[in-house]
Amino acid sequence: MKVAVLGAGAIGAAEIGPVDFVLLGLKANSYAACGPLIEPLLDDSTAVIAAQNGIPWWYFHRHGGPHDGRRVESVDPNGAVSAALAPERALGCEVGVSIERRVAGAERVGDHRTSPLQDPERGKPLELDVLLAAVVELAEITGVQVPTLRTVHANSDLLALRSAA
């Protein structure tokens, strides 16, 4: 198995060549733009594992249900993410961390602002689409009423617009 780590000071992906697995540690709103970065790492059998928050771009890929193959537009706008990261390459993963363990970790860290709180302060795009817009979209697709979630989504969009200005 060939493993490569790209980061500050690392050699380029083109020098590494195809690998068995690519583990993405990016925010989901960066996936559409990551294609040129990881393309040299891919061959016909390379799998992509996205360690991400929220609803993934491949959510309905090979789902088998009535929405099989449907694209979740809020996380894969116009298929831009699927074009960079083909859904058939995706390996889903669940990070099995209990709420108790998360709270204990937060207590150990102490006074700390998570990245969703830091992003607006730094003028970075918010990761709202995979966390919130996708859930609202899934509710629309399935006919579930989510009025409170829609209100939170609308308010969050206003925050995102304000942060971008």
Protein backbone atom coordinates (compact mmCIF):
# COMPACT_ATOMS: atom_id res chain seq x y z
CA MET A 1 0.00 0.00 0.00
CA LYS A 2 1.34 3.41 -0.99
CA VAL A 3 0.59 6.32 1.36
CA ALA A 4 1.50 9.96 0.84
CA VAL A 5 0.95 13.03 2.98
CA LEU A 6 0.63 16.42 1.34
CA GLY A 7 1.16 19.50 3.45
CA ALA A 8 3.50 22.36 4.11
CA GLY A 9 6.97 21.39 2.95
CA ALA A 10 5.82 18.16 1.32
CA ILE A 11 6.78 17.15 -2.19
CA GLY A 12 4.14 17.65 -4.87
CA ALA A 13 1.44 15.15 -5.75
CA ALA A 14 2.86 14.74 -9.27
CA GLU A 15 6.14 13.51 -7.78
CA ILE A 16 4.29 10.97 -5.64
CA GLY A 17 2.06 9.53 -8.36
CA PRO A 18 -0.95 7.23 -7.90
CA VAL A 19 -1.74 5.91 -4.42
CA ASP A 20 -4.25 3.42 -3.03
CA PHE A 21 -6.12 5.87 -0.80
CA VAL A 22 -6.47 9.64 -0.55
CA LEU A 23 -7.63 10.90 2.84
CA LEU A 24 -9.05 14.41 2.59
CA GLY A 25 -8.66 16.64 5.62
CA LEU A 26 -10.23 19.66 3.97
CA LYS A 27 -13.40 21.52 4.80
CA ALA A 28 -16.15 20.23 2.54
CA ASN A 29 -16.55 23.62 0.87
CA SER A 30 -13.02 23.15 -0.55
CA TYR A 31 -13.68 19.83 -2.30
CA ALA A 32 -14.71 21.20 -5.70
CA ALA A 33 -11.40 23.05 -5.99
CA CYS A 34 -9.17 20.18 -4.82
CA GLY A 35 -9.33 18.21 -8.07
CA PRO A 36 -6.08 19.55 -9.56
CA LEU A 37 -4.26 18.93 -6.27
CA ILE A 38 -5.19 15.27 -5.96
CA GLU A 39 -5.54 14.28 -9.63
CA PRO A 40 -1.91 13.08 -9.88
CA LEU A 41 -2.58 10.75 -6.92
CA LEU A 42 -5.45 8.94 -8.63
CA ASP A 43 -5.57 5.89 -10.82
CA ASP A 44 -8.47 3.58 -11.67
CA SER A 45 -8.53 1.96 -8.22
CA THR A 46 -7.72 4.89 -5.89
CA ALA A 47 -10.32 5.41 -3.16
CA VAL A 48 -11.06 8.78 -1.57
CA ILE A 49 -11.91 9.04 2.12
CA ALA A 50 -13.33 12.39 3.18
CA ALA A 51 -13.05 13.16 6.88
CA GLN A 52 -15.77 15.78 6.81
CA ASN A 53 -18.62 17.18 8.82
CA GLY A 54 -22.17 16.98 7.55
CA ILE A 55 -23.79 15.41 4.52
CA PRO A 56 -21.27 14.14 1.91
CA TRP A 57 -21.46 14.81 -1.82
CA TRP A 58 -21.92 11.09 -2.49
CA TYR A 59 -24.90 10.69 -0.10
CA PHE A 60 -27.31 9.03 -2.58
CA HIS A 61 -24.64 7.27 -4.69
CA ARG A 62 -25.58 3.58 -4.79
CA HIS A 63 -28.15 4.31 -2.10
CA GLY A 64 -30.57 1.78 -3.51
CA GLY A 65 -33.63 3.72 -2.41
CA PRO A 66 -36.01 5.94 -4.35
CA HIS A 67 -33.39 8.70 -4.55
CA ASP A 68 -30.55 6.46 -5.78
CA GLY A 69 -28.00 8.49 -7.71
CA ARG A 70 -29.60 11.84 -6.92
CA ARG A 71 -27.19 14.70 -6.34
CA VAL A 72 -27.59 16.80 -3.18
CA GLU A 73 -27.25 20.20 -4.83
CA SER A 74 -26.31 22.11 -1.67
CA VAL A 75 -23.16 20.01 -1.17
CA ASP A 76 -22.43 19.29 -4.83
CA PRO A 77 -23.49 22.45 -6.69
CA ASN A 78 -23.92 21.71 -10.40
CA GLY A 79 -21.92 18.50 -9.88
CA ALA A 80 -18.69 20.42 -9.24
CA VAL A 81 -17.58 18.18 -6.37
CA SER A 82 -18.50 14.98 -8.25
CA ALA A 83 -16.44 16.24 -11.19
CA ALA A 84 -13.39 16.65 -8.92
CA LEU A 85 -14.09 13.61 -6.71
CA ALA A 86 -16.09 10.91 -8.46
CA PRO A 87 -18.66 9.42 -6.05
CA GLU A 88 -17.64 5.89 -7.03
CA ARG A 89 -14.22 6.59 -5.44
CA ALA A 90 -15.72 7.59 -2.09
CA LEU A 91 -15.34 5.46 0.99
CA GLY A 92 -17.64 6.66 3.75
CA CYS A 93 -16.52 6.69 7.32
CA GLU A 94 -18.07 7.41 10.67
CA VAL A 95 -16.01 8.93 13.41
CA GLY A 96 -17.15 6.99 16.45
CA VAL A 97 -16.68 9.57 19.16
CA SER A 98 -19.34 9.72 21.86
CA ILE A 99 -20.78 13.01 23.04
CA GLU A 100 -19.23 12.34 26.46
CA ARG A 101 -15.78 12.02 24.90
CA ARG A 102 -16.30 15.22 22.88
CA VAL A 103 -17.33 17.15 25.98
CA ALA A 104 -14.37 15.78 27.94
CA GLY A 105 -12.02 16.79 25.10
CA ALA A 106 -13.48 20.29 25.04
CA GLU A 107 -13.02 20.59 28.79
CA ARG A 108 -9.34 19.58 28.46
CA VAL A 109 -8.76 22.17 25.75
CA GLY A 110 -10.36 24.90 27.84
CA ASP A 111 -11.01 28.33 26.35
CA HIS A 112 -11.10 27.51 22.65
CA ARG A 113 -13.12 28.63 19.64
CA THR A 114 -13.98 25.92 17.15
CA SER A 115 -13.33 26.56 13.47
CA PRO A 116 -17.01 27.33 12.71
CA LEU A 117 -16.71 30.19 15.19
CA GLN A 118 -13.28 31.28 13.90
CA ASP A 119 -14.22 31.26 10.21
CA PRO A 120 -16.49 34.34 10.26
CA GLU A 121 -13.90 36.28 12.25
CA ARG A 122 -11.25 35.45 9.66
CA GLY A 123 -13.47 36.14 6.66
CA LYS A 124 -13.39 32.47 5.60
CA PRO A 125 -16.40 30.79 4.02
CA LEU A 126 -18.68 29.06 6.49
CA GLU A 127 -19.25 25.32 6.20
CA LEU A 128 -23.03 25.78 6.27
CA ASP A 129 -23.97 23.85 3.16
CA VAL A 130 -22.93 20.40 4.40
CA LEU A 131 -24.08 21.06 7.94
CA LEU A 132 -27.36 22.85 7.41
CA ALA A 133 -28.44 23.49 3.81
CA ALA A 134 -28.09 19.80 2.94
CA VAL A 135 -30.36 18.78 5.82
CA VAL A 136 -32.99 21.31 4.69
CA GLU A 137 -32.64 19.99 1.13
CA LEU A 138 -33.04 16.38 2.31
CA ALA A 139 -36.18 17.43 4.20
CA GLU A 140 -37.57 18.92 0.97
CA ILE A 141 -36.71 15.77 -0.98
CA THR A 142 -38.44 13.54 1.57
CA GLY A 143 -41.37 15.83 2.36
CA VAL A 144 -40.44 16.40 6.00
CA GLN A 145 -41.44 19.71 7.59
CA VAL A 146 -38.51 21.45 9.34
CA PRO A 147 -39.63 25.02 10.07
CA THR A 148 -37.18 25.65 12.92
CA LEU A 149 -34.28 24.31 10.89
CA ARG A 150 -35.29 26.56 7.98
CA THR A 151 -35.20 29.57 10.34
CA VAL A 152 -31.76 28.62 11.65
CA HIS A 153 -30.60 28.11 8.05
CA ALA A 154 -31.89 31.53 6.98
CA ASN A 155 -30.20 33.23 9.93
CA SER A 156 -26.96 31.37 9.25
CA ASP A 157 -27.05 32.45 5.62
CA LEU A 158 -27.32 36.06 6.79
CA LEU A 159 -24.29 35.54 9.04
CA ALA A 160 -22.38 34.06 6.09
CA LEU A 161 -23.27 37.03 3.86
CA ARG A 162 -22.18 39.43 6.59
CA SER A 163 -18.89 37.56 7.07
CA ALA A 164 -18.19 37.60 3.35
CA ALA A 165 -18.69 41.38 3.13
